[in-house]
Amino acid sequence: MPTVGDRVREIRETKKWTQDQLATKSGVSKGFLSDIENNKRNPSSEYVLKIANALGASIDYLLRGDEPLPVSHREPTVIPQALASAAEQLKLSYADTVELLEAHRSVIARRSNKTTKSFEIKDWIELYRAIKKVFG
């Protein structure tokens, strides 16, 4: 059964990238990428997200192989400045910050044609606390 490392290598080679190129694009060291691809190390969720963004892959695909090969034009995750500031205040990890962003997008996606206001730092903090209250 293919591993995370196997799928990372598969996509990297499909793109005809070297490990150096992927390391530069993902911000992960070449040695660590080599260890991942050779199944010597398991990356944390934060590193999987960085690698997925660089490759244009989904996290689900890298972790479980649940979907076909990713489309190369997928946009990388961009953290809004207000969310970055809120995450810093809340001392959130990168993975937790992205989860909060995805939760926000999920809520917005369910709204029908309503215009939504731009989230400020206090709005992100309130959303985080509300989610924590409900889900612990």
N, C-alpha and C. Protein backbone atom coordinates (compact mmCIF):
# COMPACT_ATOMS: atom_id res chain seq x y z
N MET A 1 0.85 -1.18 0.00
CA MET A 1 0.00 0.00 0.00
C MET A 1 0.90 1.25 0.00
N PRO A 2 0.64 2.21 -0.90
CA PRO A 2 1.47 3.42 -0.97
C PRO A 2 1.42 4.24 0.32
N THR A 3 2.53 4.85 0.66
CA THR A 3 2.65 5.68 1.85
C THR A 3 2.60 7.15 1.47
N VAL A 4 2.62 8.01 2.48
CA VAL A 4 2.69 9.46 2.24
C VAL A 4 3.91 9.76 1.39
N GLY A 5 5.03 9.16 1.76
CA GLY A 5 6.28 9.38 1.02
C GLY A 5 6.17 8.94 -0.43
N ASP A 6 5.53 7.80 -0.66
CA ASP A 6 5.34 7.32 -2.04
C ASP A 6 4.52 8.31 -2.85
N ARG A 7 3.46 8.86 -2.24
CA ARG A 7 2.61 9.80 -2.96
C ARG A 7 3.32 11.14 -3.19
N VAL A 8 4.10 11.58 -2.22
CA VAL A 8 4.88 12.82 -2.41
C VAL A 8 5.83 12.64 -3.59
N ARG A 9 6.57 11.52 -3.60
CA ARG A 9 7.51 11.25 -4.69
C ARG A 9 6.78 11.17 -6.03
N GLU A 10 5.64 10.48 -6.05
CA GLU A 10 4.87 10.31 -7.28
C GLU A 10 4.50 11.68 -7.88
N ILE A 11 3.97 12.56 -7.06
CA ILE A 11 3.56 13.87 -7.57
C ILE A 11 4.77 14.70 -7.97
N ARG A 12 5.82 14.66 -7.13
CA ARG A 12 7.04 15.43 -7.43
C ARG A 12 7.62 14.99 -8.77
N GLU A 13 7.69 13.69 -8.99
CA GLU A 13 8.26 13.18 -10.24
C GLU A 13 7.35 13.48 -11.43
N THR A 14 6.03 13.45 -11.21
CA THR A 14 5.09 13.82 -12.28
C THR A 14 5.32 15.25 -12.73
N LYS A 15 5.64 16.12 -11.77
CA LYS A 15 5.91 17.52 -12.07
C LYS A 15 7.34 17.74 -12.58
N LYS A 16 8.13 16.65 -12.56
CA LYS A 16 9.53 16.70 -12.98
C LYS A 16 10.35 17.67 -12.12
N TRP A 17 10.03 17.66 -10.83
CA TRP A 17 10.75 18.47 -9.85
C TRP A 17 11.80 17.63 -9.16
N THR A 18 12.88 18.28 -8.77
CA THR A 18 13.87 17.64 -7.92
C THR A 18 13.44 17.82 -6.46
N GLN A 19 14.10 17.09 -5.58
CA GLN A 19 13.81 17.29 -4.16
C GLN A 19 14.21 18.71 -3.74
N ASP A 20 15.28 19.23 -4.34
CA ASP A 20 15.69 20.62 -4.05
C ASP A 20 14.57 21.60 -4.40
N GLN A 21 13.95 21.40 -5.55
CA GLN A 21 12.87 22.31 -5.97
C GLN A 21 11.69 22.22 -5.01
N LEU A 22 11.30 21.01 -4.63
CA LEU A 22 10.18 20.85 -3.71
C LEU A 22 10.54 21.43 -2.34
N ALA A 23 11.77 21.24 -1.92
CA ALA A 23 12.21 21.79 -0.63
C ALA A 23 12.08 23.31 -0.63
N THR A 24 12.51 23.93 -1.70
CA THR A 24 12.43 25.39 -1.79
C THR A 24 10.98 25.86 -1.80
N LYS A 25 10.13 25.20 -2.58
CA LYS A 25 8.74 25.60 -2.70
C LYS A 25 7.93 25.35 -1.41
N SER A 26 8.32 24.33 -0.65
CA SER A 26 7.54 23.96 0.55
C SER A 26 8.13 24.51 1.84
N GLY A 27 9.39 24.91 1.80
CA GLY A 27 10.02 25.37 3.03
C GLY A 27 10.42 24.23 3.95
N VAL A 28 10.55 23.04 3.39
CA VAL A 28 10.95 21.85 4.14
C VAL A 28 12.34 21.46 3.63
N SER A 29 13.22 21.03 4.52
CA SER A 29 14.59 20.70 4.10
C SER A 29 14.60 19.51 3.14
N LYS A 30 15.61 19.51 2.27
CA LYS A 30 15.76 18.42 1.31
C LYS A 30 15.97 17.09 2.04
N GLY A 31 16.75 17.11 3.11
CA GLY A 31 17.00 15.88 3.87
C GLY A 31 15.73 15.30 4.47
N PHE A 32 14.87 16.19 4.99
CA PHE A 32 13.61 15.74 5.57
C PHE A 32 12.71 15.17 4.48
N LEU A 33 12.67 15.84 3.32
CA LEU A 33 11.86 15.32 2.19
C LEU A 33 12.37 13.95 1.76
N SER A 34 13.68 13.81 1.71
CA SER A 34 14.26 12.51 1.34
C SER A 34 13.83 11.44 2.33
N ASP A 35 13.91 11.77 3.62
CA ASP A 35 13.47 10.81 4.64
C ASP A 35 11.99 10.45 4.50
N ILE A 36 11.16 11.44 4.17
CA ILE A 36 9.73 11.18 3.97
C ILE A 36 9.53 10.25 2.78
N GLU A 37 10.17 10.60 1.65
CA GLU A 37 10.00 9.80 0.44
C GLU A 37 10.55 8.38 0.59
N ASN A 38 11.54 8.21 1.44
CA ASN A 38 12.12 6.88 1.67
C ASN A 38 11.52 6.19 2.89
N ASN A 39 10.41 6.74 3.37
CA ASN A 39 9.65 6.16 4.48
C ASN A 39 10.47 5.97 5.75
N LYS A 40 11.40 6.90 5.97
CA LYS A 40 12.19 6.87 7.19
C LYS A 40 11.60 7.77 8.27
N ARG A 41 10.76 8.71 7.85
CA ARG A 41 10.12 9.63 8.80
C ARG A 41 8.69 9.89 8.37
N ASN A 42 7.83 10.12 9.37
CA ASN A 42 6.45 10.50 9.10
C ASN A 42 6.31 11.99 9.39
N PRO A 43 5.83 12.75 8.43
CA PRO A 43 5.70 14.20 8.64
C PRO A 43 4.51 14.54 9.53
N SER A 44 4.64 15.62 10.30
CA SER A 44 3.51 16.12 11.09
C SER A 44 2.49 16.73 10.13
N SER A 45 1.31 17.03 10.66
CA SER A 45 0.27 17.63 9.82
C SER A 45 0.72 18.97 9.25
N GLU A 46 1.52 19.71 10.01
CA GLU A 46 2.01 21.00 9.53
C GLU A 46 2.89 20.82 8.29
N TYR A 47 3.77 19.82 8.31
CA TYR A 47 4.64 19.57 7.16
C TYR A 47 3.86 19.00 5.98
N VAL A 48 2.88 18.14 6.27
CA VAL A 48 2.06 17.60 5.18
C VAL A 48 1.34 18.75 4.47
N LEU A 49 0.83 19.72 5.23
CA LEU A 49 0.15 20.86 4.65
C LEU A 49 1.10 21.68 3.78
N LYS A 50 2.30 21.94 4.26
CA LYS A 50 3.29 22.70 3.49
C LYS A 50 3.63 21.98 2.18
N ILE A 51 3.84 20.68 2.27
CA ILE A 51 4.18 19.90 1.07
C ILE A 51 2.99 19.84 0.12
N ALA A 52 1.80 19.63 0.66
CA ALA A 52 0.59 19.58 -0.17
C ALA A 52 0.40 20.89 -0.92
N ASN A 53 0.57 22.01 -0.23
CA ASN A 53 0.42 23.31 -0.89
C ASN A 53 1.44 23.49 -2.00
N ALA A 54 2.68 23.10 -1.75
CA ALA A 54 3.71 23.25 -2.76
C ALA A 54 3.43 22.37 -3.98
N LEU A 55 2.92 21.18 -3.74
CA LEU A 55 2.65 20.24 -4.83
C LEU A 55 1.30 20.50 -5.51
N GLY A 56 0.44 21.29 -4.88
CA GLY A 56 -0.91 21.47 -5.42
C GLY A 56 -1.75 20.23 -5.19
N ALA A 57 -1.47 19.53 -4.09
CA ALA A 57 -2.17 18.29 -3.76
C ALA A 57 -3.08 18.52 -2.57
N SER A 58 -4.01 17.62 -2.38
CA SER A 58 -4.85 17.71 -1.19
C SER A 58 -4.19 16.91 -0.07
N ILE A 59 -4.48 17.30 1.14
CA ILE A 59 -3.96 16.57 2.29
C ILE A 59 -4.54 15.15 2.30
N ASP A 60 -5.82 15.03 1.96
CA ASP A 60 -6.45 13.71 1.92
C ASP A 60 -5.70 12.77 0.98
N TYR A 61 -5.31 13.29 -0.17
CA TYR A 61 -4.59 12.44 -1.11
C TYR A 61 -3.24 12.02 -0.54
N LEU A 62 -2.50 12.98 -0.01
CA LEU A 62 -1.18 12.62 0.52
C LEU A 62 -1.28 11.64 1.68
N LEU A 63 -2.24 11.83 2.57
CA LEU A 63 -2.34 10.97 3.75
C LEU A 63 -2.98 9.62 3.45
N ARG A 64 -4.03 9.62 2.64
CA ARG A 64 -4.79 8.38 2.46
C ARG A 64 -4.92 7.91 1.03
N GLY A 65 -4.57 8.75 0.07
CA GLY A 65 -4.74 8.37 -1.33
C GLY A 65 -6.20 8.27 -1.72
N ASP A 66 -7.06 9.05 -1.03
CA ASP A 66 -8.51 8.94 -1.21
C ASP A 66 -9.07 9.52 -2.50
N GLU A 67 -8.29 10.26 -3.20
CA GLU A 67 -8.80 10.87 -4.42
C GLU A 67 -7.78 10.70 -5.53
N PRO A 68 -8.19 10.92 -6.76
CA PRO A 68 -7.24 10.78 -7.85
C PRO A 68 -6.10 11.79 -7.71
N LEU A 69 -5.09 11.61 -8.50
CA LEU A 69 -3.97 12.55 -8.48
C LEU A 69 -4.48 13.98 -8.51
N PRO A 70 -3.91 14.83 -7.72
CA PRO A 70 -4.39 16.21 -7.61
C PRO A 70 -4.19 17.01 -8.88
N VAL A 71 -5.01 18.03 -9.00
CA VAL A 71 -4.91 18.94 -10.13
C VAL A 71 -3.81 19.94 -9.81
N SER A 72 -2.94 20.18 -10.75
CA SER A 72 -1.77 21.01 -10.47
C SER A 72 -2.09 22.49 -10.30
N HIS A 73 -3.29 22.92 -10.66
CA HIS A 73 -3.60 24.35 -10.55
C HIS A 73 -4.28 24.71 -9.23
N ARG A 74 -4.30 23.78 -8.28
CA ARG A 74 -4.90 24.07 -6.98
C ARG A 74 -4.15 25.22 -6.32
N GLU A 75 -4.90 26.15 -5.77
CA GLU A 75 -4.32 27.32 -5.11
C GLU A 75 -3.76 26.95 -3.73
N PRO A 76 -2.62 27.50 -3.37
CA PRO A 76 -2.11 27.25 -2.02
C PRO A 76 -2.97 27.95 -0.97
N THR A 77 -2.91 27.46 0.24
CA THR A 77 -3.65 28.06 1.33
C THR A 77 -3.00 29.39 1.69
N VAL A 78 -3.83 30.44 1.76
CA VAL A 78 -3.35 31.77 2.14
C VAL A 78 -4.05 32.17 3.43
N ILE A 79 -3.27 32.48 4.43
CA ILE A 79 -3.82 32.87 5.73
C ILE A 79 -4.02 34.39 5.72
N PRO A 80 -5.26 34.88 5.88
CA PRO A 80 -5.50 36.32 5.94
C PRO A 80 -4.74 36.94 7.13
N GLN A 81 -4.32 38.18 6.96
CA GLN A 81 -3.54 38.85 8.00
C GLN A 81 -4.27 38.89 9.35
N ALA A 82 -5.57 39.18 9.33
CA ALA A 82 -6.32 39.23 10.59
C ALA A 82 -6.31 37.87 11.28
N LEU A 83 -6.42 36.79 10.51
CA LEU A 83 -6.37 35.45 11.09
C LEU A 83 -4.97 35.17 11.63
N ALA A 84 -3.94 35.57 10.91
CA ALA A 84 -2.57 35.35 11.38
C ALA A 84 -2.35 36.06 12.72
N SER A 85 -2.86 37.27 12.84
CA SER A 85 -2.72 38.02 14.09
C SER A 85 -3.51 37.34 15.22
N ALA A 86 -4.72 36.89 14.91
CA ALA A 86 -5.53 36.20 15.92
C ALA A 86 -4.84 34.90 16.35
N ALA A 87 -4.29 34.17 15.38
CA ALA A 87 -3.61 32.90 15.69
C ALA A 87 -2.40 33.15 16.58
N GLU A 88 -1.71 34.24 16.33
CA GLU A 88 -0.56 34.57 17.17
C GLU A 88 -1.02 34.86 18.60
N GLN A 89 -2.10 35.62 18.74
CA GLN A 89 -2.62 35.93 20.07
C GLN A 89 -3.09 34.67 20.80
N LEU A 90 -3.71 33.77 20.04
CA LEU A 90 -4.24 32.53 20.62
C LEU A 90 -3.18 31.44 20.75
N LYS A 91 -1.99 31.71 20.18
CA LYS A 91 -0.88 30.75 20.18
C LYS A 91 -1.28 29.45 19.46
N LEU A 92 -1.91 29.60 18.30
CA LEU A 92 -2.33 28.44 17.51
C LEU A 92 -1.17 27.95 16.63
N SER A 93 -1.13 26.66 16.41
CA SER A 93 -0.16 26.10 15.46
C SER A 93 -0.63 26.44 14.05
N TYR A 94 0.24 26.22 13.09
CA TYR A 94 -0.13 26.45 11.69
C TYR A 94 -1.32 25.56 11.31
N ALA A 95 -1.27 24.30 11.72
CA ALA A 95 -2.35 23.37 11.39
C ALA A 95 -3.68 23.82 12.00
N ASP A 96 -3.64 24.29 13.25
CA ASP A 96 -4.86 24.77 13.90
C ASP A 96 -5.39 26.03 13.20
N THR A 97 -4.48 26.87 12.75
CA THR A 97 -4.88 28.09 12.03
C THR A 97 -5.58 27.73 10.73
N VAL A 98 -5.03 26.78 10.01
CA VAL A 98 -5.65 26.35 8.75
C VAL A 98 -7.00 25.70 9.01
N GLU A 99 -7.11 24.94 10.09
CA GLU A 99 -8.41 24.34 10.44
C GLU A 99 -9.45 25.40 10.71
N LEU A 100 -9.05 26.47 11.40
CA LEU A 100 -9.97 27.58 11.67
C LEU A 100 -10.38 28.25 10.37
N LEU A 101 -9.44 28.44 9.47
CA LEU A 101 -9.75 29.03 8.17
C LEU A 101 -10.73 28.15 7.39
N GLU A 102 -10.50 26.84 7.41
CA GLU A 102 -11.40 25.92 6.71
C GLU A 102 -12.78 25.91 7.35
N ALA A 103 -12.85 26.00 8.66
CA ALA A 103 -14.16 26.07 9.34
C ALA A 103 -14.90 27.31 8.90
N HIS A 104 -14.19 28.42 8.83
CA HIS A 104 -14.79 29.68 8.38
C HIS A 104 -15.30 29.54 6.95
N ARG A 105 -14.48 28.98 6.07
CA ARG A 105 -14.89 28.79 4.67
C ARG A 105 -16.10 27.88 4.57
N SER A 106 -16.14 26.87 5.41
CA SER A 106 -17.27 25.94 5.40
C SER A 106 -18.56 26.64 5.77
N VAL A 107 -18.51 27.50 6.77
CA VAL A 107 -19.69 28.26 7.19
C VAL A 107 -20.12 29.21 6.09
N ILE A 108 -19.16 29.92 5.52
CA ILE A 108 -19.46 30.89 4.46
C ILE A 108 -20.05 30.18 3.24
N ALA A 109 -19.52 29.00 2.91
CA ALA A 109 -20.00 28.26 1.74
C ALA A 109 -21.46 27.85 1.89
N ARG A 110 -21.92 27.69 3.12
CA ARG A 110 -23.31 27.28 3.36
C ARG A 110 -24.29 28.44 3.32
N ARG A 111 -23.77 29.65 3.32
CA ARG A 111 -24.66 30.81 3.27
C ARG A 111 -25.10 31.03 1.83
N SER A 112 -26.32 31.43 1.68
CA SER A 112 -26.84 31.66 0.33
C SER A 112 -26.68 33.12 -0.05
N ASN A 113 -26.03 33.37 -1.12
CA ASN A 113 -25.87 34.69 -1.74
C ASN A 113 -25.81 35.90 -0.81
N LYS A 114 -25.59 35.71 0.45
CA LYS A 114 -25.46 36.84 1.36
C LYS A 114 -24.04 37.36 1.29
N THR A 115 -23.89 38.66 1.31
CA THR A 115 -22.55 39.20 1.36
C THR A 115 -22.02 39.03 2.77
N THR A 116 -20.78 38.71 2.87
CA THR A 116 -20.19 38.50 4.19
C THR A 116 -19.18 39.58 4.47
N LYS A 117 -19.13 39.97 5.71
CA LYS A 117 -18.19 41.01 6.10
C LYS A 117 -16.79 40.41 6.21
N SER A 118 -15.82 41.28 6.07
CA SER A 118 -14.45 40.86 6.24
C SER A 118 -14.20 40.58 7.71
N PHE A 119 -13.59 39.45 8.02
CA PHE A 119 -13.33 39.08 9.40
C PHE A 119 -12.16 39.88 9.95
N GLU A 120 -12.36 40.43 11.12
CA GLU A 120 -11.30 41.15 11.84
C GLU A 120 -10.70 40.20 12.88
N ILE A 121 -9.65 40.63 13.53
CA ILE A 121 -8.98 39.79 14.53
C ILE A 121 -9.97 39.30 15.58
N LYS A 122 -10.80 40.21 16.10
CA LYS A 122 -11.75 39.82 17.16
C LYS A 122 -12.76 38.79 16.64
N ASP A 123 -13.13 38.88 15.36
CA ASP A 123 -14.07 37.91 14.78
C ASP A 123 -13.44 36.51 14.74
N TRP A 124 -12.16 36.43 14.35
CA TRP A 124 -11.46 35.14 14.31
C TRP A 124 -11.36 34.55 15.71
N ILE A 125 -11.06 35.39 16.68
CA ILE A 125 -10.95 34.92 18.07
C ILE A 125 -12.30 34.40 18.56
N GLU A 126 -13.36 35.14 18.26
CA GLU A 126 -14.71 34.70 18.65
C GLU A 126 -15.09 33.39 17.98
N LEU A 127 -14.77 33.25 16.70
CA LEU A 127 -15.06 32.00 15.99
C LEU A 127 -14.29 30.85 16.62
N TYR A 128 -13.02 31.07 16.91
CA TYR A 128 -12.20 30.02 17.54
C TYR A 128 -12.81 29.59 18.87
N ARG A 129 -13.17 30.57 19.70
CA ARG A 129 -13.74 30.25 21.01
C ARG A 129 -15.08 29.53 20.89
N ALA A 130 -15.88 29.94 19.92
CA ALA A 130 -17.19 29.29 19.71
C ALA A 130 -16.99 27.83 19.30
N ILE A 131 -16.02 27.59 18.42
CA ILE A 131 -15.75 26.21 17.98
C ILE A 131 -15.23 25.38 19.15
N LYS A 132 -14.34 25.95 19.92
CA LYS A 132 -13.80 25.25 21.10
C LYS A 132 -14.90 24.94 22.11
N LYS A 133 -15.84 25.84 22.26
CA LYS A 133 -16.94 25.66 23.22
C LYS A 133 -17.81 24.47 22.79
N VAL A 134 -18.06 24.38 21.49
CA VAL A 134 -18.91 23.31 20.98
C VAL A 134 -18.17 21.97 20.90
N PHE A 135 -16.93 22.02 20.39
CA PHE A 135 -16.20 20.77 20.13
C PHE A 135 -15.13 20.44 21.17
N GLY A 136 -14.94 21.34 22.13
CA GLY A 136 -13.99 21.07 23.20
C GLY A 136 -12.63 21.31 22.78
